Amino acid sequence: QVQLVESGGGLVQPGGSLRLSCAASGSIFSIYAMGWFRQAPGKEREFVAAINWRGGSTNYADSVRGRFTISRDGAKNTVYLQMNSLKPEDTAVYYCATVPPGATMTTYGVNYWGKGTLVSVSS
């Protein structure tokens, strides 16, 4: 099993920045990719960004491309999401997730979820 613990959420004004962290532990060898999803009140959980655990290739949702950056620190088994130019519509609970080899970074492909961290963007 893999355990995921997110941190770094909080309240920020529009235009501000936050960095989320996700620390992984357990069966790290089984991870193919890690990613971030978010869920706003009354909406479905949606994909935000993903990174291949070994190769480092990245993928982003159109809504965050150019504003958010996903990165990883293999030595710390940690993935980060740097969020800049935040907008009120970015307000959501952000979840860290993993997928195994052969799976896609979708809610159906995810095999482990973190408990989430709340990001609120408001003036």
N, C-alpha and C. Protein backbone atom coordinates (compact mmCIF):
# COMPACT_ATOMS: atom_id res chain seq x y z
N GLN A 1 0.82 -1.20 0.00
CA GLN A 1 0.00 0.00 0.00
C GLN A 1 0.86 1.25 0.00
N VAL A 2 0.24 2.34 -0.43
CA VAL A 2 0.91 3.64 -0.45
C VAL A 2 0.09 4.61 0.39
N GLN A 3 0.77 5.35 1.24
CA GLN A 3 0.12 6.38 2.04
C GLN A 3 0.53 7.75 1.49
N LEU A 4 -0.44 8.63 1.37
CA LEU A 4 -0.20 9.97 0.83
C LEU A 4 -0.70 11.01 1.83
N VAL A 5 0.16 11.98 2.13
CA VAL A 5 -0.21 13.04 3.07
C VAL A 5 0.04 14.39 2.42
N GLU A 6 -1.04 15.15 2.22
CA GLU A 6 -0.93 16.48 1.63
C GLU A 6 -0.75 17.54 2.70
N SER A 7 -0.14 18.65 2.29
CA SER A 7 -0.02 19.82 3.16
C SER A 7 0.14 21.05 2.29
N GLY A 8 -0.03 22.22 2.91
CA GLY A 8 0.23 23.47 2.21
C GLY A 8 -0.99 24.26 1.80
N GLY A 9 -2.18 23.73 2.04
CA GLY A 9 -3.38 24.47 1.68
C GLY A 9 -3.59 25.66 2.61
N GLY A 10 -4.54 26.52 2.24
CA GLY A 10 -4.84 27.67 3.07
C GLY A 10 -5.66 28.70 2.32
N LEU A 11 -5.77 29.87 2.91
CA LEU A 11 -6.51 30.98 2.32
C LEU A 11 -5.53 31.95 1.67
N VAL A 12 -5.83 32.33 0.43
CA VAL A 12 -4.95 33.24 -0.29
C VAL A 12 -5.81 34.20 -1.12
N GLN A 13 -5.31 35.40 -1.33
CA GLN A 13 -6.04 36.37 -2.14
C GLN A 13 -5.87 36.07 -3.62
N PRO A 14 -6.82 36.51 -4.44
CA PRO A 14 -6.68 36.33 -5.89
C PRO A 14 -5.36 36.93 -6.38
N GLY A 15 -4.69 36.20 -7.26
CA GLY A 15 -3.39 36.61 -7.75
C GLY A 15 -2.23 36.10 -6.93
N GLY A 16 -2.52 35.52 -5.79
CA GLY A 16 -1.49 35.01 -4.91
C GLY A 16 -0.99 33.62 -5.30
N SER A 17 -0.11 33.09 -4.45
CA SER A 17 0.52 31.79 -4.73
C SER A 17 0.46 30.90 -3.50
N LEU A 18 0.45 29.60 -3.75
CA LEU A 18 0.56 28.58 -2.71
C LEU A 18 1.36 27.42 -3.28
N ARG A 19 2.03 26.67 -2.40
CA ARG A 19 2.68 25.43 -2.82
C ARG A 19 2.15 24.28 -1.98
N LEU A 20 1.58 23.31 -2.66
CA LEU A 20 1.11 22.10 -2.00
C LEU A 20 2.20 21.04 -2.04
N SER A 21 2.24 20.22 -1.00
CA SER A 21 3.17 19.11 -0.94
C SER A 21 2.40 17.82 -0.71
N CYS A 22 2.93 16.72 -1.24
CA CYS A 22 2.34 15.39 -1.02
C CYS A 22 3.47 14.42 -0.75
N ALA A 23 3.52 13.94 0.48
CA ALA A 23 4.56 12.99 0.87
C ALA A 23 4.03 11.57 0.76
N ALA A 24 4.75 10.73 0.03
CA ALA A 24 4.35 9.34 -0.16
C ALA A 24 5.20 8.42 0.70
N SER A 25 4.58 7.37 1.20
CA SER A 25 5.30 6.36 1.97
C SER A 25 4.66 5.00 1.69
N GLY A 26 5.38 3.95 2.09
CA GLY A 26 4.88 2.61 1.85
C GLY A 26 5.51 2.00 0.61
N SER A 27 4.70 1.40 -0.24
CA SER A 27 5.18 0.68 -1.44
C SER A 27 5.45 1.65 -2.58
N ILE A 28 6.48 2.49 -2.41
CA ILE A 28 6.81 3.52 -3.39
C ILE A 28 7.14 2.91 -4.75
N PHE A 29 7.71 1.72 -4.75
CA PHE A 29 8.14 1.09 -5.99
C PHE A 29 6.97 0.84 -6.95
N SER A 30 5.76 0.79 -6.40
CA SER A 30 4.59 0.49 -7.22
C SER A 30 4.01 1.71 -7.93
N ILE A 31 4.55 2.89 -7.65
CA ILE A 31 4.01 4.12 -8.22
C ILE A 31 4.52 4.32 -9.65
N TYR A 32 3.60 4.53 -10.59
CA TYR A 32 3.97 4.88 -11.96
C TYR A 32 3.94 6.39 -12.16
N ALA A 33 2.91 7.01 -11.64
CA ALA A 33 2.79 8.47 -11.74
C ALA A 33 2.04 8.99 -10.54
N MET A 34 2.27 10.26 -10.23
CA MET A 34 1.54 10.93 -9.15
C MET A 34 0.88 12.17 -9.72
N GLY A 35 -0.22 12.55 -9.12
CA GLY A 35 -0.93 13.70 -9.64
C GLY A 35 -1.76 14.40 -8.59
N TRP A 36 -2.38 15.46 -9.02
CA TRP A 36 -3.27 16.25 -8.19
C TRP A 36 -4.64 16.36 -8.87
N PHE A 37 -5.65 16.20 -8.06
CA PHE A 37 -7.02 16.44 -8.47
C PHE A 37 -7.60 17.48 -7.53
N ARG A 38 -8.74 18.04 -7.90
CA ARG A 38 -9.42 18.96 -7.01
C ARG A 38 -10.93 18.78 -7.13
N GLN A 39 -11.59 19.14 -6.03
CA GLN A 39 -13.04 19.04 -6.01
C GLN A 39 -13.62 20.27 -5.32
N ALA A 40 -14.36 21.05 -6.07
CA ALA A 40 -15.04 22.22 -5.53
C ALA A 40 -16.42 21.80 -5.02
N PRO A 41 -17.00 22.59 -4.11
CA PRO A 41 -18.32 22.26 -3.58
C PRO A 41 -19.35 22.09 -4.68
N GLY A 42 -20.06 20.97 -4.65
CA GLY A 42 -21.10 20.71 -5.62
C GLY A 42 -20.63 20.27 -6.99
N LYS A 43 -19.33 20.07 -7.14
CA LYS A 43 -18.79 19.67 -8.44
C LYS A 43 -18.07 18.33 -8.34
N GLU A 44 -17.84 17.72 -9.49
CA GLU A 44 -17.12 16.46 -9.52
C GLU A 44 -15.62 16.70 -9.35
N ARG A 45 -14.94 15.66 -8.88
CA ARG A 45 -13.49 15.74 -8.76
C ARG A 45 -12.89 15.80 -10.16
N GLU A 46 -11.91 16.70 -10.36
CA GLU A 46 -11.32 16.87 -11.67
C GLU A 46 -9.79 16.82 -11.62
N PHE A 47 -9.22 16.39 -12.73
CA PHE A 47 -7.77 16.31 -12.86
C PHE A 47 -7.16 17.70 -12.92
N VAL A 48 -6.00 17.86 -12.27
CA VAL A 48 -5.28 19.13 -12.29
C VAL A 48 -3.91 18.98 -12.97
N ALA A 49 -3.09 18.06 -12.47
CA ALA A 49 -1.74 17.90 -13.00
C ALA A 49 -1.21 16.53 -12.63
N ALA A 50 -0.23 16.05 -13.41
CA ALA A 50 0.38 14.75 -13.14
C ALA A 50 1.85 14.77 -13.55
N ILE A 51 2.61 13.89 -12.92
CA ILE A 51 4.03 13.75 -13.23
C ILE A 51 4.41 12.28 -13.19
N ASN A 52 5.16 11.85 -14.20
CA ASN A 52 5.68 10.49 -14.21
C ASN A 52 6.74 10.36 -13.14
N TRP A 53 6.63 9.33 -12.30
CA TRP A 53 7.49 9.25 -11.13
C TRP A 53 8.96 9.10 -11.48
N ARG A 54 9.28 8.35 -12.55
CA ARG A 54 10.67 8.13 -12.92
C ARG A 54 11.16 9.09 -13.99
N GLY A 55 10.38 9.25 -15.06
CA GLY A 55 10.83 10.08 -16.17
C GLY A 55 10.63 11.56 -15.97
N GLY A 56 9.66 11.92 -15.15
CA GLY A 56 9.44 13.33 -14.87
C GLY A 56 8.58 14.06 -15.87
N SER A 57 8.03 13.38 -16.86
CA SER A 57 7.16 14.08 -17.81
C SER A 57 5.90 14.54 -17.09
N THR A 58 5.35 15.66 -17.55
CA THR A 58 4.22 16.27 -16.86
C THR A 58 3.03 16.48 -17.79
N ASN A 59 1.87 16.67 -17.18
CA ASN A 59 0.65 16.91 -17.92
C ASN A 59 -0.24 17.80 -17.05
N TYR A 60 -0.97 18.72 -17.71
CA TYR A 60 -1.79 19.67 -16.97
C TYR A 60 -3.18 19.80 -17.58
N ALA A 61 -4.13 20.13 -16.74
CA ALA A 61 -5.44 20.52 -17.23
C ALA A 61 -5.33 21.89 -17.90
N ASP A 62 -6.16 22.12 -18.91
CA ASP A 62 -6.09 23.40 -19.62
C ASP A 62 -6.33 24.58 -18.68
N SER A 63 -7.16 24.38 -17.67
CA SER A 63 -7.53 25.46 -16.78
C SER A 63 -6.39 25.95 -15.90
N VAL A 64 -5.33 25.15 -15.75
CA VAL A 64 -4.22 25.55 -14.88
C VAL A 64 -2.89 25.66 -15.62
N ARG A 65 -2.85 25.23 -16.88
CA ARG A 65 -1.59 25.25 -17.62
C ARG A 65 -1.07 26.68 -17.71
N GLY A 66 0.22 26.84 -17.40
CA GLY A 66 0.84 28.15 -17.41
C GLY A 66 0.81 28.85 -16.06
N ARG A 67 -0.04 28.36 -15.14
CA ARG A 67 -0.13 28.94 -13.80
C ARG A 67 0.37 27.98 -12.73
N PHE A 68 0.14 26.69 -12.91
CA PHE A 68 0.54 25.68 -11.94
C PHE A 68 1.73 24.89 -12.49
N THR A 69 2.59 24.45 -11.57
CA THR A 69 3.72 23.61 -11.93
C THR A 69 3.82 22.44 -10.97
N ILE A 70 3.87 21.23 -11.53
CA ILE A 70 4.05 20.03 -10.71
C ILE A 70 5.50 19.59 -10.80
N SER A 71 6.05 19.16 -9.67
CA SER A 71 7.43 18.68 -9.63
C SER A 71 7.55 17.60 -8.59
N ARG A 72 8.69 16.93 -8.60
CA ARG A 72 8.89 15.84 -7.63
C ARG A 72 10.29 15.89 -7.07
N ASP A 73 10.44 15.35 -5.86
CA ASP A 73 11.74 15.16 -5.22
C ASP A 73 11.81 13.68 -4.86
N GLY A 74 12.54 12.92 -5.69
CA GLY A 74 12.61 11.49 -5.47
C GLY A 74 13.25 11.10 -4.16
N ALA A 75 14.20 11.89 -3.71
CA ALA A 75 14.88 11.58 -2.46
C ALA A 75 13.94 11.70 -1.27
N LYS A 76 12.96 12.57 -1.39
CA LYS A 76 12.01 12.79 -0.30
C LYS A 76 10.67 12.11 -0.56
N ASN A 77 10.55 11.43 -1.71
CA ASN A 77 9.27 10.80 -2.08
C ASN A 77 8.12 11.79 -1.99
N THR A 78 8.35 12.96 -2.50
CA THR A 78 7.39 14.06 -2.35
C THR A 78 7.12 14.70 -3.71
N VAL A 79 5.86 15.02 -3.94
CA VAL A 79 5.44 15.75 -5.12
C VAL A 79 4.90 17.11 -4.69
N TYR A 80 5.17 18.11 -5.50
CA TYR A 80 4.76 19.47 -5.18
C TYR A 80 3.84 20.01 -6.28
N LEU A 81 2.99 20.94 -5.89
CA LEU A 81 2.18 21.67 -6.85
C LEU A 81 2.32 23.16 -6.53
N GLN A 82 3.09 23.85 -7.34
CA GLN A 82 3.25 25.29 -7.19
C GLN A 82 2.12 25.97 -7.95
N MET A 83 1.32 26.74 -7.22
CA MET A 83 0.15 27.38 -7.81
C MET A 83 0.34 28.90 -7.77
N ASN A 84 0.41 29.51 -8.93
CA ASN A 84 0.57 30.96 -9.05
C ASN A 84 -0.65 31.58 -9.71
N SER A 85 -0.77 32.88 -9.59
CA SER A 85 -1.89 33.61 -10.21
C SER A 85 -3.22 32.95 -9.89
N LEU A 86 -3.42 32.65 -8.62
CA LEU A 86 -4.62 31.93 -8.21
C LEU A 86 -5.87 32.77 -8.43
N LYS A 87 -6.94 32.06 -8.79
CA LYS A 87 -8.23 32.68 -9.07
C LYS A 87 -9.28 32.11 -8.11
N PRO A 88 -10.36 32.83 -7.87
CA PRO A 88 -11.42 32.29 -6.99
C PRO A 88 -11.92 30.92 -7.46
N GLU A 89 -11.94 30.70 -8.76
CA GLU A 89 -12.41 29.40 -9.27
C GLU A 89 -11.44 28.25 -9.00
N ASP A 90 -10.26 28.56 -8.46
CA ASP A 90 -9.33 27.50 -8.05
C ASP A 90 -9.67 26.97 -6.66
N THR A 91 -10.61 27.61 -5.99
CA THR A 91 -11.02 27.17 -4.65
C THR A 91 -11.57 25.75 -4.70
N ALA A 92 -10.97 24.87 -3.89
CA ALA A 92 -11.37 23.46 -3.89
C ALA A 92 -10.55 22.71 -2.84
N VAL A 93 -10.95 21.48 -2.59
CA VAL A 93 -10.09 20.56 -1.85
C VAL A 93 -9.19 19.87 -2.87
N TYR A 94 -7.90 19.93 -2.63
CA TYR A 94 -6.93 19.35 -3.55
C TYR A 94 -6.46 18.01 -3.00
N TYR A 95 -6.51 16.99 -3.87
CA TYR A 95 -6.15 15.63 -3.48
C TYR A 95 -4.94 15.16 -4.26
N CYS A 96 -4.04 14.51 -3.55
CA CYS A 96 -2.90 13.85 -4.16
C CYS A 96 -3.32 12.43 -4.52
N ALA A 97 -2.75 11.90 -5.61
CA ALA A 97 -3.15 10.58 -6.07
C ALA A 97 -2.01 9.88 -6.76
N THR A 98 -2.10 8.55 -6.82
CA THR A 98 -1.12 7.75 -7.55
C THR A 98 -1.85 6.81 -8.52
N VAL A 99 -1.15 6.45 -9.58
CA VAL A 99 -1.64 5.41 -10.48
C VAL A 99 -0.55 4.37 -10.67
N PRO A 100 -0.93 3.12 -10.84
CA PRO A 100 0.04 2.06 -11.09
C PRO A 100 0.38 1.99 -12.57
N PRO A 101 1.39 1.20 -12.94
CA PRO A 101 1.71 1.02 -14.36
C PRO A 101 0.50 0.54 -15.15
N GLY A 102 0.32 1.14 -16.33
CA GLY A 102 -0.78 0.74 -17.19
C GLY A 102 -2.05 1.51 -16.97
N ALA A 103 -2.12 2.29 -15.93
CA ALA A 103 -3.33 3.06 -15.63
C ALA A 103 -3.17 4.51 -16.07
N THR A 104 -4.28 5.16 -16.31
CA THR A 104 -4.26 6.57 -16.68
C THR A 104 -4.60 7.43 -15.48
N MET A 105 -4.15 8.68 -15.51
CA MET A 105 -4.39 9.59 -14.39
C MET A 105 -5.80 10.16 -14.51
N THR A 106 -6.75 9.32 -14.17
CA THR A 106 -8.15 9.70 -14.10
C THR A 106 -8.68 9.19 -12.77
N THR A 107 -9.87 9.63 -12.39
CA THR A 107 -10.42 9.15 -11.12
C THR A 107 -10.62 7.63 -11.15
N TYR A 108 -10.76 7.05 -12.34
CA TYR A 108 -10.93 5.61 -12.45
C TYR A 108 -9.61 4.87 -12.35
N GLY A 109 -8.52 5.53 -12.77
CA GLY A 109 -7.22 4.87 -12.79
C GLY A 109 -6.46 4.97 -11.47
N VAL A 110 -6.86 5.93 -10.62
CA VAL A 110 -6.16 6.15 -9.35
C VAL A 110 -6.35 4.96 -8.42
N ASN A 111 -5.23 4.53 -7.81
CA ASN A 111 -5.33 3.44 -6.84
C ASN A 111 -5.15 3.90 -5.39
N TYR A 112 -4.54 5.07 -5.18
CA TYR A 112 -4.43 5.61 -3.83
C TYR A 112 -4.71 7.11 -3.84
N TRP A 113 -5.43 7.56 -2.82
CA TRP A 113 -5.77 8.97 -2.64
C TRP A 113 -5.26 9.46 -1.29
N GLY A 114 -4.87 10.73 -1.26
CA GLY A 114 -4.66 11.38 0.02
C GLY A 114 -5.99 11.87 0.57
N LYS A 115 -5.96 12.46 1.76
CA LYS A 115 -7.20 12.92 2.38
C LYS A 115 -7.61 14.31 1.94
N GLY A 116 -6.69 15.01 1.28
CA GLY A 116 -7.01 16.32 0.73
C GLY A 116 -6.59 17.48 1.60
N THR A 117 -6.38 18.62 0.94
CA THR A 117 -6.06 19.86 1.63
C THR A 117 -6.85 20.98 0.95
N LEU A 118 -7.42 21.86 1.78
CA LEU A 118 -8.32 22.89 1.26
C LEU A 118 -7.55 24.13 0.82
N VAL A 119 -7.86 24.57 -0.39
CA VAL A 119 -7.32 25.83 -0.92
C VAL A 119 -8.50 26.77 -1.15
N SER A 120 -8.44 27.93 -0.52
CA SER A 120 -9.49 28.94 -0.67
C SER A 120 -8.88 30.20 -1.24
N VAL A 121 -9.44 30.68 -2.34
CA VAL A 121 -8.95 31.89 -2.98
C VAL A 121 -10.05 32.95 -2.89
N SER A 122 -9.80 33.95 -2.07
CA SER A 122 -10.84 34.94 -1.81
C SER A 122 -10.21 36.22 -1.30
N SER A 123 -10.86 37.36 -1.63
CA SER A 123 -10.40 38.63 -1.10
C SER A 123 -11.15 39.00 0.16
